[in-house]
PDB file of N, CA and C in Angstrom:
ATOM      1  N   MET A   1      33.443  10.824  -9.008  1.00  0.00           N
ATOM      2  CA  MET A   1      33.489   9.800  -7.998  1.00  0.00           C
ATOM      3  C   MET A   1      32.059   9.401  -7.662  1.00  0.00           C
ATOM      4  N   GLN A   2      31.864   8.112  -7.440  1.00  0.00           N
ATOM      5  CA  GLN A   2      30.566   7.604  -7.040  1.00  0.00           C
ATOM      6  C   GLN A   2      30.672   6.996  -5.644  1.00  0.00           C
ATOM      7  N   PHE A   3      29.571   7.076  -4.899  1.00  0.00           N
ATOM      8  CA  PHE A   3      29.508   6.506  -3.557  1.00  0.00           C
ATOM      9  C   PHE A   3      28.521   5.347  -3.538  1.00  0.00           C
ATOM     10  N   PHE A   4      29.040   4.188  -3.168  1.00  0.00           N
ATOM     11  CA  PHE A   4      28.223   2.991  -3.003  1.00  0.00           C
ATOM     12  C   PHE A   4      28.256   2.615  -1.532  1.00  0.00           C
ATOM     13  N   LEU A   5      27.090   2.407  -0.947  1.00  0.00           N
ATOM     14  CA  LEU A   5      27.040   1.959   0.437  1.00  0.00           C
ATOM     15  C   LEU A   5      27.128   0.441   0.470  1.00  0.00           C
ATOM     16  N   ASP A   6      27.899  -0.078   1.387  1.00  0.00           N
ATOM     17  CA  ASP A   6      28.076  -1.516   1.561  1.00  0.00           C
ATOM     18  C   ASP A   6      27.255  -1.934   2.765  1.00  0.00           C
ATOM     19  N   THR A   7      25.961  -2.148   2.536  1.00  0.00           N
ATOM     20  CA  THR A   7      25.026  -2.455   3.618  1.00  0.00           C
ATOM     21  C   THR A   7      23.771  -3.084   3.042  1.00  0.00           C
ATOM     22  N   ALA A   8      22.962  -3.659   3.908  1.00  0.00           N
ATOM     23  CA  ALA A   8      21.630  -4.119   3.535  1.00  0.00           C
ATOM     24  C   ALA A   8      20.599  -3.485   4.459  1.00  0.00           C
ATOM     25  N   ASN A   9      21.047  -2.570   5.300  1.00  0.00           N
ATOM     26  CA  ASN A   9      20.174  -1.922   6.271  1.00  0.00           C
ATOM     27  C   ASN A   9      19.394  -0.799   5.590  1.00  0.00           C
ATOM     28  N   LEU A  10      18.073  -0.928   5.581  1.00  0.00           N
ATOM     29  CA  LEU A  10      17.236   0.032   4.871  1.00  0.00           C
ATOM     30  C   LEU A  10      17.281   1.422   5.486  1.00  0.00           C
ATOM     31  N   ASP A  11      17.397   1.513   6.806  1.00  0.00           N
ATOM     32  CA  ASP A  11      17.490   2.828   7.448  1.00  0.00           C
ATOM     33  C   ASP A  11      18.751   3.560   7.005  1.00  0.00           C
ATOM     34  N   GLU A  12      19.863   2.849   6.949  1.00  0.00           N
ATOM     35  CA  GLU A  12      21.115   3.458   6.485  1.00  0.00           C
ATOM     36  C   GLU A  12      20.991   3.901   5.029  1.00  0.00           C
ATOM     37  N   LEU A  13      20.350   3.077   4.225  1.00  0.00           N
ATOM     38  CA  LEU A  13      20.190   3.411   2.811  1.00  0.00           C
ATOM     39  C   LEU A  13      19.259   4.607   2.628  1.00  0.00           C
ATOM     40  N   ARG A  14      18.179   4.653   3.385  1.00  0.00           N
ATOM     41  CA  ARG A  14      17.264   5.796   3.297  1.00  0.00           C
ATOM     42  C   ARG A  14      17.970   7.088   3.707  1.00  0.00           C
ATOM     43  N   ARG A  15      18.754   7.008   4.761  1.00  0.00           N
ATOM     44  CA  ARG A  15      19.488   8.181   5.223  1.00  0.00           C
ATOM     45  C   ARG A  15      20.450   8.679   4.140  1.00  0.00           C
ATOM     46  N   GLY A  16      21.192   7.772   3.556  1.00  0.00           N
ATOM     47  CA  GLY A  16      22.118   8.142   2.487  1.00  0.00           C
ATOM     48  C   GLY A  16      21.380   8.703   1.282  1.00  0.00           C
ATOM     49  N   ALA A  17      20.238   8.106   0.949  1.00  0.00           N
ATOM     50  CA  ALA A  17      19.451   8.592  -0.182  1.00  0.00           C
ATOM     51  C   ALA A  17      18.930  10.007   0.094  1.00  0.00           C
ATOM     52  N   GLN A  18      18.514  10.271   1.322  1.00  0.00           N
ATOM     53  CA  GLN A  18      18.035  11.613   1.689  1.00  0.00           C
ATOM     54  C   GLN A  18      19.151  12.644   1.571  1.00  0.00           C
ATOM     55  N   TRP A  19      20.352  12.256   1.908  1.00  0.00           N
ATOM     56  CA  TRP A  19      21.491  13.167   1.807  1.00  0.00           C
ATOM     57  C   TRP A  19      21.892  13.409   0.356  1.00  0.00           C
ATOM     58  N   GLY A  20      21.424  12.528  -0.519  1.00  0.00           N
ATOM     59  CA  GLY A  20      21.741  12.670  -1.932  1.00  0.00           C
ATOM     60  C   GLY A  20      23.141  12.223  -2.299  1.00  0.00           C
ATOM     61  N   ILE A  21      23.726  11.346  -1.483  1.00  0.00           N
ATOM     62  CA  ILE A  21      25.108  10.934  -1.744  1.00  0.00           C
ATOM     63  C   ILE A  21      25.253   9.496  -2.235  1.00  0.00           C
ATOM     64  N   VAL A  22      24.148   8.759  -2.298  1.00  0.00           N
ATOM     65  CA  VAL A  22      24.238   7.340  -2.645  1.00  0.00           C
ATOM     66  C   VAL A  22      24.021   7.150  -4.135  1.00  0.00           C
ATOM     67  N   ASP A  23      25.036   6.593  -4.787  1.00  0.00           N
ATOM     68  CA  ASP A  23      24.923   6.278  -6.201  1.00  0.00           C
ATOM     69  C   ASP A  23      24.481   4.838  -6.422  1.00  0.00           C
ATOM     70  N   GLY A  24      24.722   3.979  -5.443  1.00  0.00           N
ATOM     71  CA  GLY A  24      24.360   2.579  -5.557  1.00  0.00           C
ATOM     72  C   GLY A  24      24.681   1.836  -4.279  1.00  0.00           C
ATOM     73  N   VAL A  25      24.446   0.529  -4.314  1.00  0.00           N
ATOM     74  CA  VAL A  25      24.630  -0.321  -3.134  1.00  0.00           C
ATOM     75  C   VAL A  25      25.360  -1.590  -3.529  1.00  0.00           C
ATOM     76  N   THR A  26      26.227  -2.021  -2.664  1.00  0.00           N
ATOM     77  CA  THR A  26      26.820  -3.348  -2.774  1.00  0.00           C
ATOM     78  C   THR A  26      26.543  -4.052  -1.451  1.00  0.00           C
ATOM     79  N   THR A  27      26.151  -5.301  -1.541  1.00  0.00           N
ATOM     80  CA  THR A  27      25.836  -6.042  -0.324  1.00  0.00           C
ATOM     81  C   THR A  27      26.134  -7.518  -0.532  1.00  0.00           C
ATOM     82  N   ASN A  28      25.985  -8.287   0.515  1.00  0.00           N
ATOM     83  CA  ASN A  28      26.268  -9.714   0.427  1.00  0.00           C
ATOM     84  C   ASN A  28      25.327 -10.477   1.347  1.00  0.00           C
ATOM     85  N   PRO A  29      25.280 -11.800   1.233  1.00  0.00           N
ATOM     86  CA  PRO A  29      24.352 -12.590   2.036  1.00  0.00           C
ATOM     87  C   PRO A  29      24.517 -12.396   3.548  1.00  0.00           C
ATOM     88  N   SER A  30      25.732 -12.171   4.034  1.00  0.00           N
ATOM     89  CA  SER A  30      25.937 -11.965   5.472  1.00  0.00           C
ATOM     90  C   SER A  30      25.264 -10.685   5.950  1.00  0.00           C
ATOM     91  N   LEU A  31      25.411  -9.614   5.181  1.00  0.00           N
ATOM     92  CA  LEU A  31      24.779  -8.349   5.552  1.00  0.00           C
ATOM     93  C   LEU A  31      23.256  -8.454   5.473  1.00  0.00           C
ATOM     94  N   ILE A  32      22.763  -9.144   4.469  1.00  0.00           N
ATOM     95  CA  ILE A  32      21.319  -9.322   4.328  1.00  0.00           C
ATOM     96  C   ILE A  32      20.776 -10.173   5.469  1.00  0.00           C
ATOM     97  N   ALA A  33      21.489 -11.222   5.870  1.00  0.00           N
ATOM     98  CA  ALA A  33      21.049 -12.084   6.965  1.00  0.00           C
ATOM     99  C   ALA A  33      20.885 -11.307   8.268  1.00  0.00           C
ATOM    100  N   LYS A  34      21.732 -10.310   8.488  1.00  0.00           N
ATOM    101  CA  LYS A  34      21.640  -9.497   9.706  1.00  0.00           C
ATOM    102  C   LYS A  34      20.324  -8.724   9.784  1.00  0.00           C
ATOM    103  N   GLU A  35      19.680  -8.512   8.642  1.00  0.00           N
ATOM    104  CA  GLU A  35      18.424  -7.756   8.614  1.00  0.00           C
ATOM    105  C   GLU A  35      17.211  -8.630   8.902  1.00  0.00           C
ATOM    106  N   GLY A  36      17.402  -9.961   8.916  1.00  0.00           N
ATOM    107  CA  GLY A  36      16.344 -10.875   9.336  1.00  0.00           C
ATOM    108  C   GLY A  36      15.215 -11.107   8.343  1.00  0.00           C
ATOM    109  N   LYS A  37      15.443 -10.798   7.082  1.00  0.00           N
ATOM    110  CA  LYS A  37      14.418 -11.023   6.063  1.00  0.00           C
ATOM    111  C   LYS A  37      14.985 -11.919   4.972  1.00  0.00           C
ATOM    112  N   PRO A  38      14.114 -12.598   4.229  1.00  0.00           N
ATOM    113  CA  PRO A  38      14.591 -13.446   3.137  1.00  0.00           C
ATOM    114  C   PRO A  38      15.399 -12.642   2.114  1.00  0.00           C
ATOM    115  N   LEU A  39      16.392 -13.285   1.543  1.00  0.00           N
ATOM    116  CA  LEU A  39      17.320 -12.659   0.608  1.00  0.00           C
ATOM    117  C   LEU A  39      16.598 -11.871  -0.485  1.00  0.00           C
ATOM    118  N   ALA A  40      15.715 -12.517  -1.223  1.00  0.00           N
ATOM    119  CA  ALA A  40      15.040 -11.864  -2.351  1.00  0.00           C
ATOM    120  C   ALA A  40      14.188 -10.684  -1.884  1.00  0.00           C
ATOM    121  N   GLU A  41      13.536 -10.838  -0.753  1.00  0.00           N
ATOM    122  CA  GLU A  41      12.696  -9.766  -0.214  1.00  0.00           C
ATOM    123  C   GLU A  41      13.532  -8.538   0.154  1.00  0.00           C
ATOM    124  N   GLN A  42      14.673  -8.765   0.786  1.00  0.00           N
ATOM    125  CA  GLN A  42      15.518  -7.648   1.199  1.00  0.00           C
ATOM    126  C   GLN A  42      16.151  -6.956  -0.009  1.00  0.00           C
ATOM    127  N   ILE A  43      16.562  -7.723  -0.994  1.00  0.00           N
ATOM    128  CA  ILE A  43      17.130  -7.120  -2.200  1.00  0.00           C
ATOM    129  C   ILE A  43      16.083  -6.265  -2.913  1.00  0.00           C
ATOM    130  N   ALA A  44      14.850  -6.765  -2.994  1.00  0.00           N
ATOM    131  CA  ALA A  44      13.773  -5.983  -3.611  1.00  0.00           C
ATOM    132  C   ALA A  44      13.544  -4.683  -2.851  1.00  0.00           C
ATOM    133  N   ALA A  45      13.580  -4.742  -1.523  1.00  0.00           N
ATOM    134  CA  ALA A  45      13.386  -3.542  -0.698  1.00  0.00           C
ATOM    135  C   ALA A  45      14.527  -2.547  -0.921  1.00  0.00           C
ATOM    136  N   ILE A  46      15.742  -3.045  -1.044  1.00  0.00           N
ATOM    137  CA  ILE A  46      16.898  -2.179  -1.317  1.00  0.00           C
ATOM    138  C   ILE A  46      16.704  -1.470  -2.657  1.00  0.00           C
ATOM    139  N   CYS A  47      16.250  -2.200  -3.648  1.00  0.00           N
ATOM    140  CA  CYS A  47      16.030  -1.615  -4.976  1.00  0.00           C
ATOM    141  C   CYS A  47      14.945  -0.536  -4.944  1.00  0.00           C
ATOM    142  N   GLU A  48      14.000  -0.651  -4.028  1.00  0.00           N
ATOM    143  CA  GLU A  48      12.952   0.371  -3.887  1.00  0.00           C
ATOM    144  C   GLU A  48      13.522   1.666  -3.313  1.00  0.00           C
ATOM    145  N   VAL A  49      14.521   1.550  -2.462  1.00  0.00           N
ATOM    146  CA  VAL A  49      15.081   2.708  -1.769  1.00  0.00           C
ATOM    147  C   VAL A  49      16.118   3.436  -2.610  1.00  0.00           C
ATOM    148  N   VAL A  50      16.942   2.688  -3.306  1.00  0.00           N
ATOM    149  CA  VAL A  50      18.096   3.262  -3.992  1.00  0.00           C
ATOM    150  C   VAL A  50      17.832   3.385  -5.490  1.00  0.00           C
ATOM    151  N   ASP A  51      18.046   4.575  -6.007  1.00  0.00           N
ATOM    152  CA  ASP A  51      17.918   4.804  -7.438  1.00  0.00           C
ATOM    153  C   ASP A  51      19.313   4.715  -8.058  1.00  0.00           C
ATOM    154  N   GLY A  52      19.745   3.505  -8.293  1.00  0.00           N
ATOM    155  CA  GLY A  52      21.074   3.269  -8.837  1.00  0.00           C
ATOM    156  C   GLY A  52      21.356   1.785  -8.836  1.00  0.00           C
ATOM    157  N   PRO A  53      22.553   1.397  -9.236  1.00  0.00           N
ATOM    158  CA  PRO A  53      22.913  -0.017  -9.289  1.00  0.00           C
ATOM    159  C   PRO A  53      22.945  -0.670  -7.912  1.00  0.00           C
ATOM    160  N   VAL A  54      22.488  -1.914  -7.870  1.00  0.00           N
ATOM    161  CA  VAL A  54      22.555  -2.716  -6.648  1.00  0.00           C
ATOM    162  C   VAL A  54      23.309  -3.989  -6.986  1.00  0.00           C
ATOM    163  N   SER A  55      24.404  -4.219  -6.276  1.00  0.00           N
ATOM    164  CA  SER A  55      25.198  -5.418  -6.464  1.00  0.00           C
ATOM    165  C   SER A  55      24.987  -6.312  -5.253  1.00  0.00           C
ATOM    166  N   ALA A  56      24.394  -7.471  -5.478  1.00  0.00           N
ATOM    167  CA  ALA A  56      24.125  -8.403  -4.388  1.00  0.00           C
ATOM    168  C   ALA A  56      24.683  -9.769  -4.762  1.00  0.00           C
ATOM    169  N   GLU A  57      25.500 -10.323  -3.893  1.00  0.00           N
ATOM    170  CA  GLU A  57      26.090 -11.626  -4.150  1.00  0.00           C
ATOM    171  C   GLU A  57      25.053 -12.735  -3.994  1.00  0.00           C
ATOM    172  N   VAL A  58      25.252 -13.799  -4.715  1.00  0.00           N
ATOM    173  CA  VAL A  58      24.392 -14.977  -4.586  1.00  0.00           C
ATOM    174  C   VAL A  58      24.912 -15.853  -3.447  1.00  0.00           C
ATOM    175  N   VAL A  59      24.079 -16.795  -3.017  1.00  0.00           N
ATOM    176  CA  VAL A  59      24.499 -17.709  -1.951  1.00  0.00           C
ATOM    177  C   VAL A  59      24.877 -19.084  -2.492  1.00  0.00           C
ATOM    178  N   ALA A  60      24.524 -19.342  -3.734  1.00  0.00           N
ATOM    179  CA  ALA A  60      24.810 -20.646  -4.342  1.00  0.00           C
ATOM    180  C   ALA A  60      26.306 -20.825  -4.593  1.00  0.00           C
ATOM    181  N   THR A  61      26.710 -22.082  -4.708  1.00  0.00           N
ATOM    182  CA  THR A  61      28.103 -22.373  -5.014  1.00  0.00           C
ATOM    183  C   THR A  61      28.273 -23.057  -6.366  1.00  0.00           C
ATOM    184  N   GLY A  62      27.187 -23.534  -6.943  1.00  0.00           N
ATOM    185  CA  GLY A  62      27.256 -24.188  -8.241  1.00  0.00           C
ATOM    186  C   GLY A  62      26.824 -23.261  -9.356  1.00  0.00           C
ATOM    187  N   TYR A  63      27.408 -23.441 -10.539  1.00  0.00           N
ATOM    188  CA  TYR A  63      27.172 -22.562 -11.690  1.00  0.00           C
ATOM    189  C   TYR A  63      25.683 -22.355 -11.997  1.00  0.00           C
ATOM    190  N   GLU A  64      24.950 -23.464 -12.205  1.00  0.00           N
ATOM    191  CA  GLU A  64      23.547 -23.355 -12.625  1.00  0.00           C
ATOM    192  C   GLU A  64      22.701 -22.649 -11.573  1.00  0.00           C
ATOM    193  N   THR A  65      22.937 -22.947 -10.316  1.00  0.00           N
ATOM    194  CA  THR A  65      22.180 -22.306  -9.241  1.00  0.00           C
ATOM    195  C   THR A  65      22.556 -20.834  -9.120  1.00  0.00           C
ATOM    196  N   MET A  66      23.837 -20.515  -9.326  1.00  0.00           N
ATOM    197  CA  MET A  66      24.250 -19.107  -9.307  1.00  0.00           C
ATOM    198  C   MET A  66      23.527 -18.309 -10.381  1.00  0.00           C
ATOM    199  N   VAL A  67      23.457 -18.861 -11.591  1.00  0.00           N
ATOM    200  CA  VAL A  67      22.794 -18.184 -12.693  1.00  0.00           C
ATOM    201  C   VAL A  67      21.321 -18.006 -12.379  1.00  0.00           C
ATOM    202  N   LYS A  68      20.702 -19.031 -11.824  1.00  0.00           N
ATOM    203  CA  LYS A  68      19.273 -18.961 -11.471  1.00  0.00           C
ATOM    204  C   LYS A  68      19.032 -17.878 -10.421  1.00  0.00           C
ATOM    205  N   GLU A  69      19.867 -17.813  -9.397  1.00  0.00           N
ATOM    206  CA  GLU A  69      19.726 -16.793  -8.357  1.00  0.00           C
ATOM    207  C   GLU A  69      19.950 -15.389  -8.917  1.00  0.00           C
ATOM    208  N   GLY A  70      20.899 -15.285  -9.817  1.00  0.00           N
ATOM    209  CA  GLY A  70      21.195 -13.978 -10.415  1.00  0.00           C
ATOM    210  C   GLY A  70      20.031 -13.467 -11.219  1.00  0.00           C
TER     211      GLY A  70
END
């Protein structure tokens, strides 16, 4: 079994990483917006904290823009 945290909060992610229970992160634009930082900046910070897969949704609605954001 793997544990993925559904958050963009770095304190929560650091705590989970310290406990050794976080396998990865899933998050979305709403959760990232709550942290008050630009999307790309917050995703990069999450990747620094978590040693595992990070799934972050894009905010675009059109195909080409989605691919570019991804």
